[in-house]
Amino acid sequence: MSELVLEGLKAKQQKTWASGDYGAVAALIHPMAEDMIQAADLSTGADVLDVAAGTGNASIAAARCGCRVTAADYVPGLLARARERADAERLPLTTEVADAEDLPYTDGRFDAVVSVVGAMFAPDQERTAAELTRVCRSGGTIALANWTPDGFIGEMFRTVGRRVPPPPGIRGPVEWGSEERVRELFGDRVTDLRTERHDFVFRFATPEHFADYFREHYGPTLKAFEALGPDGGKPLYDDLVSLAGRYNTATDGTARIPSTYLQIVATRA
């Protein structure tokens, strides 16, 4: 795919993630970041880069461990929310507008590079993997948490994609949730790559509540509904309600939706 096409896609992605209120979704999944940072076992004082940081879940989790954290994202509005959250907890945090595929840092600048369901959405997976490893020092830590292809969120993306097809020629972001694909992307740039599958449980009042929440707040689904319009959006809404119902494990009339993600911790070679 040409650079021009990729740049156009990236510009569209930026608008998508700036739409809605991603912070409302990120607030739900903050425990994923806490678990990942604990698994990474970062030392106090470590220089940490959070790539595609969004509203700062991993950044704040690392800052709570006494790390010196830089939160990087290409959506300024999300970084502003990360700053607000860090200030509320009186945690030091540096924020910088930056692209996961072209990080503005020298080779080996950071002791650890982390990302929670962020870098996985960059369209050029190979370039993103190269950048994540390039800016991490030899012997440093790379830690990621990515939605899996076979979990609830992976199925949600396929559900949306059947109504609003993704751009051709772009590999799906949930491929980052496959251990085989992650090993292929990082290759010999890392050693001691360890993965664990975990479930994060979304909790809503009903399956309809889930569909309403993601339609309103989550950029990718919000934009899909906008593209379909009122008439076309009704079938997608019904699809999402049905999907949540199929994954729902609650027995009390509410919605309890386990969503599988892959936690990855590796050492930079």
Protein backbone atom coordinates (compact mmCIF):
# COMPACT_ATOMS: atom_id res chain seq x y z
CA MET A 1 0.00 0.00 0.00
CA SER A 2 1.35 3.42 -0.95
CA GLU A 3 2.47 6.03 1.57
CA LEU A 4 -0.23 8.38 0.31
CA VAL A 5 -2.98 5.85 0.95
CA LEU A 6 -1.59 5.04 4.39
CA GLU A 7 -1.45 8.71 5.31
CA GLY A 8 -5.05 9.17 4.22
CA LEU A 9 -6.11 6.18 6.29
CA LYS A 10 -4.21 7.48 9.28
CA ALA A 11 -5.89 10.87 9.02
CA LYS A 12 -9.26 9.14 8.98
CA GLN A 13 -8.27 7.09 12.04
CA GLN A 14 -7.28 10.23 13.92
CA LYS A 15 -10.73 11.68 13.34
CA THR A 16 -12.31 8.40 14.42
CA TRP A 17 -10.46 8.25 17.74
CA ALA A 18 -11.11 11.93 18.36
CA SER A 19 -14.86 11.37 17.93
CA GLY A 20 -17.21 10.25 20.66
CA ASP A 21 -15.65 9.97 24.10
CA TYR A 22 -12.98 7.29 24.12
CA GLY A 23 -12.17 8.20 27.71
CA ALA A 24 -15.54 6.76 28.75
CA VAL A 25 -14.52 3.38 27.31
CA ALA A 26 -10.91 3.61 28.50
CA ALA A 27 -12.12 4.21 32.05
CA LEU A 28 -13.83 0.81 32.00
CA ILE A 29 -10.71 -1.11 30.94
CA HIS A 30 -8.15 0.59 33.20
CA PRO A 31 -7.59 -2.69 35.15
CA MET A 32 -6.02 -4.15 31.99
CA ALA A 33 -3.27 -1.53 32.22
CA GLU A 34 -2.66 -2.12 35.91
CA ASP A 35 -2.31 -5.88 35.31
CA MET A 36 0.05 -5.36 32.38
CA ILE A 37 2.29 -2.92 34.23
CA GLN A 38 2.54 -5.32 37.15
CA ALA A 39 3.44 -8.14 34.74
CA ALA A 40 6.13 -5.93 33.19
CA ASP A 41 7.68 -5.54 36.67
CA LEU A 42 9.01 -2.04 35.99
CA SER A 43 11.51 -0.48 38.36
CA THR A 44 10.97 2.83 40.10
CA GLY A 45 12.70 5.55 38.13
CA ALA A 46 12.52 3.69 34.81
CA ASP A 47 11.98 5.81 31.69
CA VAL A 48 8.77 4.51 30.13
CA LEU A 49 7.10 5.33 26.83
CA ASP A 50 3.38 4.63 26.47
CA VAL A 51 2.66 4.38 22.73
CA ALA A 52 -0.81 5.25 21.44
CA ALA A 53 -1.49 6.14 25.05
CA GLY A 54 -5.02 7.41 24.56
CA THR A 55 -6.28 8.84 27.83
CA GLY A 56 -3.32 7.42 29.72
CA ASN A 57 -4.32 4.11 31.31
CA ALA A 58 -0.87 2.52 31.03
CA SER A 59 0.86 5.86 31.64
CA ILE A 60 -0.93 6.36 34.94
CA ALA A 61 -0.37 2.76 36.01
CA ALA A 62 3.38 3.14 35.35
CA ALA A 63 3.53 6.55 37.04
CA ARG A 64 1.96 5.00 40.13
CA CYS A 65 5.01 2.70 40.22
CA GLY A 66 7.33 5.71 40.32
CA CYS A 67 8.35 5.53 36.67
CA ARG A 68 9.19 8.58 34.55
CA VAL A 69 6.51 8.30 31.90
CA THR A 70 6.00 9.84 28.47
CA ALA A 71 2.52 9.38 27.00
CA ALA A 72 2.54 9.59 23.19
CA ASP A 73 -0.53 9.65 20.95
CA TYR A 74 -1.53 11.26 17.65
CA VAL A 75 -4.82 12.61 19.04
CA PRO A 76 -4.15 15.72 21.15
CA GLY A 77 -7.56 15.61 22.80
CA LEU A 78 -6.89 12.18 24.26
CA LEU A 79 -3.56 13.35 25.67
CA ALA A 80 -5.31 16.31 27.26
CA ARG A 81 -7.53 13.86 29.14
CA ALA A 82 -4.44 11.86 30.19
CA ARG A 83 -2.94 15.07 31.55
CA GLU A 84 -6.11 15.86 33.50
CA ARG A 85 -6.12 12.40 35.05
CA ALA A 86 -2.44 12.56 35.99
CA ASP A 87 -2.84 16.02 37.49
CA ALA A 88 -5.82 14.83 39.53
CA GLU A 89 -3.60 12.16 41.10
CA ARG A 90 -0.60 14.52 41.31
CA LEU A 91 1.43 12.16 39.16
CA PRO A 92 4.23 13.51 36.94
CA LEU A 93 3.55 12.80 33.27
CA THR A 94 4.99 14.08 30.01
CA THR A 95 2.62 14.09 27.03
CA GLU A 96 3.73 14.37 23.40
CA VAL A 97 1.80 14.20 20.14
CA ALA A 98 3.46 11.39 18.19
CA ASP A 99 2.68 8.68 15.66
CA ALA A 100 3.25 5.04 16.63
CA GLU A 101 4.72 4.43 13.17
CA ASP A 102 7.20 7.31 13.39
CA LEU A 103 8.20 7.91 16.99
CA PRO A 104 10.29 11.09 17.46
CA TYR A 105 12.83 9.51 19.82
CA THR A 106 16.40 8.32 19.48
CA ASP A 107 17.28 4.63 19.36
CA GLY A 108 17.23 3.00 22.79
CA ARG A 109 15.82 6.11 24.49
CA PHE A 110 13.52 4.25 26.94
CA ASP A 111 13.89 1.50 29.53
CA ALA A 112 10.42 0.22 28.69
CA VAL A 113 7.88 0.69 25.91
CA VAL A 114 4.25 -0.18 26.64
CA SER A 115 0.87 -0.02 24.96
CA VAL A 116 -2.63 -1.09 25.97
CA VAL A 117 -4.99 -1.66 23.02
CA GLY A 118 -3.37 1.30 21.32
CA ALA A 119 -0.43 0.56 19.00
CA MET A 120 -2.39 -2.42 17.67
CA PHE A 121 -4.56 -0.01 15.65
CA ALA A 122 -1.71 1.56 13.65
CA PRO A 123 -2.26 0.54 10.01
CA ASP A 124 1.34 -0.50 9.22
CA GLN A 125 1.98 -3.31 11.69
CA GLU A 126 5.55 -4.01 10.60
CA ARG A 127 6.61 -0.38 10.92
CA THR A 128 4.91 -0.11 14.30
CA ALA A 129 6.72 -3.18 15.64
CA ALA A 130 10.01 -1.79 14.36
CA GLU A 131 9.40 1.53 16.12
CA LEU A 132 8.34 -0.05 19.43
CA THR A 133 11.60 -1.99 19.53
CA ARG A 134 13.83 0.76 18.11
CA VAL A 135 13.18 3.24 20.90
CA CYS A 136 13.62 0.62 23.66
CA ARG A 137 17.13 0.02 24.97
CA SER A 138 18.77 -3.37 24.74
CA GLY A 139 17.67 -5.37 27.77
CA GLY A 140 14.64 -3.15 28.23
CA THR A 141 11.03 -4.26 28.45
CA ILE A 142 8.26 -4.20 25.88
CA ALA A 143 4.79 -4.83 27.27
CA LEU A 144 1.50 -4.88 25.37
CA ALA A 145 -2.14 -5.78 25.93
CA ASN A 146 -4.07 -6.45 22.72
CA TRP A 147 -7.57 -7.71 21.98
CA THR A 148 -7.54 -11.21 20.47
CA PRO A 149 -9.10 -12.25 17.17
CA ASP A 150 -11.25 -14.93 18.82
CA GLY A 151 -12.56 -12.86 21.73
CA PHE A 152 -15.59 -10.63 22.14
CA ILE A 153 -13.95 -7.45 20.84
CA GLY A 154 -12.47 -9.30 17.87
CA GLU A 155 -15.97 -10.55 17.06
CA MET A 156 -17.36 -7.04 17.55
CA PHE A 157 -14.95 -5.67 14.92
CA ARG A 158 -16.00 -8.40 12.49
CA THR A 159 -19.64 -7.65 13.22
CA VAL A 160 -19.13 -3.97 12.43
CA GLY A 161 -17.00 -4.87 9.40
CA ARG A 162 -19.82 -6.88 7.86
CA ARG A 163 -21.91 -3.70 7.78
CA VAL A 164 -19.09 -1.18 7.13
CA PRO A 165 -16.17 -3.01 5.47
CA PRO A 166 -12.67 -1.95 6.57
CA PRO A 167 -10.22 -0.50 4.02
CA PRO A 168 -8.81 -3.18 1.70
CA GLY A 169 -5.22 -4.25 2.09
CA ILE A 170 -4.98 -3.46 5.83
CA ARG A 171 -4.40 -6.29 8.28
CA GLY A 172 -6.86 -6.41 11.15
CA PRO A 173 -5.70 -4.81 14.42
CA VAL A 174 -6.68 -7.90 16.42
CA GLU A 175 -3.88 -9.81 14.70
CA TRP A 176 -1.75 -8.20 17.41
CA GLY A 177 -3.69 -10.45 19.79
CA SER A 178 -2.24 -13.57 18.14
CA GLU A 179 0.99 -14.88 19.70
CA GLU A 180 2.10 -16.23 16.33
CA ARG A 181 1.64 -12.84 14.67
CA VAL A 182 3.38 -10.97 17.51
CA ARG A 183 6.39 -13.28 17.26
CA GLU A 184 6.45 -12.72 13.51
CA LEU A 185 6.31 -8.94 13.93
CA PHE A 186 9.04 -8.66 16.55
CA GLY A 187 11.26 -11.45 15.23
CA ASP A 188 14.80 -11.47 16.61
CA ARG A 189 14.49 -7.91 17.93
CA VAL A 190 13.20 -9.36 21.22
CA THR A 191 14.03 -12.28 23.47
CA ASP A 192 12.11 -14.04 26.23
CA LEU A 193 8.73 -13.18 24.73
CA ARG A 194 5.99 -14.35 27.08
CA THR A 195 2.25 -14.22 26.47
CA GLU A 196 -0.81 -14.86 28.60
CA ARG A 197 -4.46 -14.77 27.67
CA HIS A 198 -6.72 -12.88 30.06
CA ASP A 199 -10.37 -11.94 30.13
CA PHE A 200 -11.50 -8.44 30.88
CA VAL A 201 -15.18 -8.44 31.82
CA PHE A 202 -17.39 -5.64 30.55
CA ARG A 203 -20.41 -5.09 32.80
CA PHE A 204 -23.57 -3.38 31.60
CA ALA A 205 -27.19 -3.31 32.69
CA THR A 206 -28.32 -5.17 29.56
CA PRO A 207 -26.95 -6.11 26.11
CA GLU A 208 -28.81 -3.05 24.79
CA HIS A 209 -26.94 -0.89 27.31
CA PHE A 210 -23.66 -2.18 25.87
CA ALA A 211 -24.75 -1.34 22.31
CA ASP A 212 -25.93 2.12 23.36
CA TYR A 213 -22.68 2.82 25.23
CA PHE A 214 -20.39 1.81 22.37
CA ARG A 215 -22.56 3.57 19.79
CA GLU A 216 -22.27 6.81 21.75
CA HIS A 217 -18.69 6.71 23.06
CA TYR A 218 -16.44 4.39 21.05
CA GLY A 219 -15.10 6.09 17.92
CA PRO A 220 -15.02 3.06 15.56
CA THR A 221 -18.61 2.07 16.28
CA LEU A 222 -19.85 5.66 16.41
CA LYS A 223 -18.38 6.32 12.94
CA ALA A 224 -19.87 3.08 11.62
CA PHE A 225 -23.33 4.18 12.74
CA GLU A 226 -22.78 7.59 11.17
CA ALA A 227 -21.76 5.98 7.88
CA LEU A 228 -24.84 3.74 7.84
CA GLY A 229 -27.35 6.44 8.73
CA PRO A 230 -30.54 5.90 10.77
CA ASP A 231 -31.98 3.16 8.57
CA GLY A 232 -28.75 1.23 8.05
CA GLY A 233 -27.75 1.65 11.68
CA LYS A 234 -30.68 -0.35 13.03
CA PRO A 235 -29.40 -3.73 11.70
CA LEU A 236 -25.94 -3.01 13.15
CA TYR A 237 -27.47 -2.11 16.50
CA ASP A 238 -29.42 -5.37 16.48
CA ASP A 239 -26.22 -7.25 15.56
CA LEU A 240 -24.36 -5.74 18.52
CA VAL A 241 -27.18 -6.51 20.94
CA SER A 242 -27.26 -10.10 19.68
CA LEU A 243 -23.47 -10.39 19.98
CA ALA A 244 -23.50 -9.13 23.57
CA GLY A 245 -26.31 -11.54 24.34
CA ARG A 246 -24.34 -14.50 23.00
CA TYR A 247 -21.27 -13.64 25.10
CA ASN A 248 -23.27 -12.69 28.19
CA THR A 249 -22.55 -14.95 31.17
CA ALA A 250 -24.68 -13.10 33.73
CA THR A 251 -27.51 -14.96 35.39
CA ASP A 252 -29.19 -12.01 37.11
CA GLY A 253 -30.63 -10.20 34.10
CA THR A 254 -27.63 -7.89 33.60
CA ALA A 255 -24.81 -8.20 31.05
CA ARG A 256 -21.45 -9.70 31.99
CA ILE A 257 -19.29 -9.94 28.87
CA PRO A 258 -15.83 -11.61 29.09
CA SER A 259 -13.50 -10.12 26.48
CA THR A 260 -10.23 -11.93 25.82
CA TYR A 261 -6.95 -10.08 25.36
CA LEU A 262 -3.34 -11.16 24.99
CA GLN A 263 -0.81 -9.80 27.47
CA ILE A 264 2.72 -9.71 26.05
CA VAL A 265 5.98 -9.05 27.88
CA ALA A 266 9.29 -9.28 26.03
CA THR A 267 12.90 -8.22 26.47
CA ARG A 268 14.57 -6.06 23.84
CA ALA A 269 17.47 -7.95 22.30
